[in-house]
């Protein structure tokens, strides 16, 4: 069977896959949404775009 891998090679591939999945799962930890938002804001600031979180101010009416 040509499709079978050496046991050492198969173990190396499993470790690599597990490590990649661990990185993806780490992004799902609580608090990572805040980090993601901070990264987006920093990238937008660097590109010169307005921040998505900025709330437009209300205009004041002139006093009568």
N, C-alpha and C. Protein backbone atom coordinates (compact mmCIF):
# COMPACT_ATOMS: atom_id res chain seq x y z
N UNK A 1 0.83 -1.17 0.00
CA UNK A 1 0.00 0.00 0.00
C UNK A 1 0.89 1.24 0.00
N UNK A 2 0.80 2.02 -1.04
CA UNK A 2 1.63 3.20 -1.20
C UNK A 2 1.12 4.38 -0.38
N UNK A 3 -0.14 4.38 0.05
CA UNK A 3 -0.72 5.50 0.77
C UNK A 3 -0.35 5.53 2.25
N UNK A 4 0.14 4.44 2.78
CA UNK A 4 0.46 4.39 4.20
C UNK A 4 1.76 5.13 4.47
N UNK A 5 1.77 5.89 5.57
CA UNK A 5 2.95 6.64 5.96
C UNK A 5 3.72 5.91 7.05
N UNK A 6 4.98 6.26 7.16
CA UNK A 6 5.81 5.77 8.25
C UNK A 6 5.17 6.24 9.56
N UNK A 7 5.13 5.43 10.61
CA UNK A 7 4.50 5.86 11.87
C UNK A 7 5.07 7.16 12.43
N UNK A 8 6.37 7.37 12.28
CA UNK A 8 6.96 8.62 12.76
C UNK A 8 6.44 9.81 11.97
N UNK A 9 6.33 9.63 10.68
CA UNK A 9 5.82 10.71 9.82
C UNK A 9 4.36 11.00 10.11
N UNK A 10 3.57 9.96 10.33
CA UNK A 10 2.15 10.15 10.66
C UNK A 10 2.00 10.89 11.99
N UNK A 11 2.84 10.56 12.96
CA UNK A 11 2.79 11.25 14.26
C UNK A 11 3.17 12.72 14.10
N UNK A 12 4.16 13.00 13.27
CA UNK A 12 4.58 14.38 13.03
C UNK A 12 3.45 15.19 12.40
N UNK A 13 2.75 14.59 11.46
CA UNK A 13 1.63 15.27 10.80
C UNK A 13 0.50 15.52 11.79
N UNK A 14 0.22 14.54 12.67
CA UNK A 14 -0.83 14.73 13.68
C UNK A 14 -0.48 15.88 14.64
N UNK A 15 0.81 15.93 15.06
CA UNK A 15 1.24 17.02 15.95
C UNK A 15 1.10 18.37 15.26
N UNK A 16 1.49 18.43 14.00
CA UNK A 16 1.38 19.68 13.25
C UNK A 16 -0.08 20.12 13.16
N UNK A 17 -0.96 19.20 12.84
CA UNK A 17 -2.38 19.52 12.73
C UNK A 17 -2.95 19.96 14.08
N UNK A 18 -2.55 19.28 15.14
CA UNK A 18 -3.04 19.64 16.47
C UNK A 18 -2.56 21.03 16.86
N UNK A 19 -1.31 21.37 16.53
CA UNK A 19 -0.78 22.69 16.85
C UNK A 19 -1.52 23.78 16.07
N UNK A 20 -1.84 23.53 14.82
CA UNK A 20 -2.57 24.51 14.02
C UNK A 20 -3.98 24.71 14.56
N UNK A 21 -4.62 23.62 14.96
CA UNK A 21 -5.97 23.72 15.52
C UNK A 21 -5.94 24.45 16.86
N UNK A 22 -4.88 24.28 17.64
CA UNK A 22 -4.77 24.97 18.93
C UNK A 22 -4.70 26.48 18.72
N UNK A 23 -3.99 26.93 17.69
CA UNK A 23 -3.92 28.36 17.40
C UNK A 23 -5.30 28.90 17.05
N UNK A 24 -6.07 28.16 16.28
CA UNK A 24 -7.41 28.60 15.91
C UNK A 24 -8.33 28.63 17.12
N UNK A 25 -8.22 27.63 18.00
CA UNK A 25 -9.05 27.60 19.20
C UNK A 25 -8.69 28.73 20.15
N UNK A 26 -7.43 29.12 20.19
CA UNK A 26 -7.00 30.20 21.07
C UNK A 26 -7.70 31.50 20.72
N UNK A 27 -8.01 31.69 19.46
CA UNK A 27 -8.71 32.90 19.05
C UNK A 27 -10.15 32.93 19.54
N UNK A 28 -10.68 31.80 19.96
CA UNK A 28 -12.05 31.73 20.45
C UNK A 28 -12.14 31.93 21.96
N UNK A 29 -11.01 32.11 22.64
CA UNK A 29 -11.03 32.31 24.08
C UNK A 29 -11.74 33.61 24.44
N UNK A 30 -12.33 33.67 25.61
CA UNK A 30 -12.98 34.92 26.03
C UNK A 30 -11.97 36.07 26.04
N UNK A 31 -12.43 37.21 25.59
CA UNK A 31 -11.58 38.39 25.56
C UNK A 31 -10.85 38.59 24.25
N UNK A 32 -10.83 37.59 23.40
CA UNK A 32 -10.12 37.74 22.14
C UNK A 32 -10.88 38.63 21.17
N UNK A 33 -12.18 38.79 21.37
CA UNK A 33 -12.95 39.71 20.53
C UNK A 33 -12.44 41.13 20.72
N UNK A 34 -12.10 41.46 21.95
CA UNK A 34 -11.56 42.79 22.25
C UNK A 34 -10.23 42.98 21.55
N UNK A 35 -9.39 41.97 21.58
CA UNK A 35 -8.09 42.05 20.92
C UNK A 35 -8.29 42.21 19.41
N UNK A 36 -9.23 41.47 18.86
CA UNK A 36 -9.52 41.56 17.42
C UNK A 36 -9.97 42.97 17.07
N UNK A 37 -10.83 43.54 17.90
CA UNK A 37 -11.32 44.91 17.68
C UNK A 37 -10.17 45.90 17.75
N UNK A 38 -9.27 45.73 18.71
CA UNK A 38 -8.13 46.63 18.83
C UNK A 38 -7.23 46.55 17.60
N UNK A 39 -7.05 45.35 17.08
CA UNK A 39 -6.24 45.18 15.88
C UNK A 39 -6.90 45.87 14.70
N UNK A 40 -8.22 45.68 14.55
CA UNK A 40 -8.94 46.33 13.46
C UNK A 40 -8.84 47.84 13.57
N UNK A 41 -9.01 48.38 14.77
CA UNK A 41 -8.94 49.82 14.96
C UNK A 41 -7.55 50.34 14.61
N UNK A 42 -6.52 49.63 15.03
CA UNK A 42 -5.15 50.06 14.74
C UNK A 42 -4.87 50.02 13.24
N UNK A 43 -5.37 49.00 12.57
CA UNK A 43 -5.16 48.91 11.12
C UNK A 43 -5.91 50.03 10.40
N UNK A 44 -7.14 50.33 10.85
CA UNK A 44 -7.91 51.40 10.25
C UNK A 44 -7.25 52.75 10.47
N UNK A 45 -6.70 52.93 11.66
CA UNK A 45 -6.02 54.19 11.98
C UNK A 45 -4.79 54.35 11.10
N UNK A 46 -4.05 53.26 10.89
CA UNK A 46 -2.86 53.30 10.06
C UNK A 46 -3.21 53.59 8.60
N UNK A 47 -4.39 53.15 8.18
CA UNK A 47 -4.82 53.37 6.80
C UNK A 47 -5.49 54.73 6.63
N UNK A 48 -5.70 55.43 7.74
CA UNK A 48 -6.31 56.75 7.67
C UNK A 48 -7.82 56.73 7.61
N UNK A 49 -8.42 55.59 7.92
CA UNK A 49 -9.87 55.48 7.90
C UNK A 49 -10.42 55.86 9.27
N UNK A 50 -11.65 56.40 9.32
CA UNK A 50 -12.23 56.70 10.63
C UNK A 50 -12.55 55.41 11.38
N UNK A 51 -12.47 55.48 12.68
CA UNK A 51 -12.76 54.30 13.50
C UNK A 51 -14.23 53.94 13.39
N UNK A 52 -14.51 52.65 13.38
CA UNK A 52 -15.89 52.17 13.24
C UNK A 52 -16.69 52.44 14.50
N UNK A 53 -16.01 52.64 15.62
CA UNK A 53 -16.71 52.82 16.88
C UNK A 53 -17.07 54.28 17.14
N UNK A 54 -16.60 55.19 16.28
CA UNK A 54 -16.91 56.60 16.54
C UNK A 54 -18.40 56.85 16.34
N UNK A 55 -18.99 57.50 17.32
CA UNK A 55 -20.41 57.80 17.30
C UNK A 55 -20.57 59.25 16.90
N UNK A 56 -21.40 59.53 15.91
CA UNK A 56 -21.57 60.93 15.51
C UNK A 56 -22.21 61.73 16.63
N UNK A 57 -21.73 62.94 16.81
CA UNK A 57 -22.26 63.79 17.86
C UNK A 57 -23.57 64.42 17.40
N UNK A 58 -24.43 64.65 18.37
CA UNK A 58 -25.69 65.32 18.06
C UNK A 58 -25.45 66.82 17.96
N UNK A 59 -26.15 67.41 17.04
CA UNK A 59 -26.04 68.87 16.91
C UNK A 59 -26.90 69.53 17.97
N UNK A 60 -26.37 70.58 18.48
CA UNK A 60 -27.15 71.35 19.47
C UNK A 60 -28.03 72.35 18.75
N UNK A 61 -29.21 72.49 19.26
CA UNK A 61 -30.11 73.50 18.71
C UNK A 61 -29.75 74.85 19.31
N UNK A 62 -29.85 75.89 18.53
CA UNK A 62 -29.59 77.22 19.10
C UNK A 62 -30.68 77.56 20.11
N UNK A 63 -30.28 78.17 21.20
CA UNK A 63 -31.25 78.53 22.22
C UNK A 63 -32.10 79.68 21.73
N UNK A 64 -33.39 79.57 21.97
CA UNK A 64 -34.31 80.60 21.50
C UNK A 64 -34.47 81.73 22.44
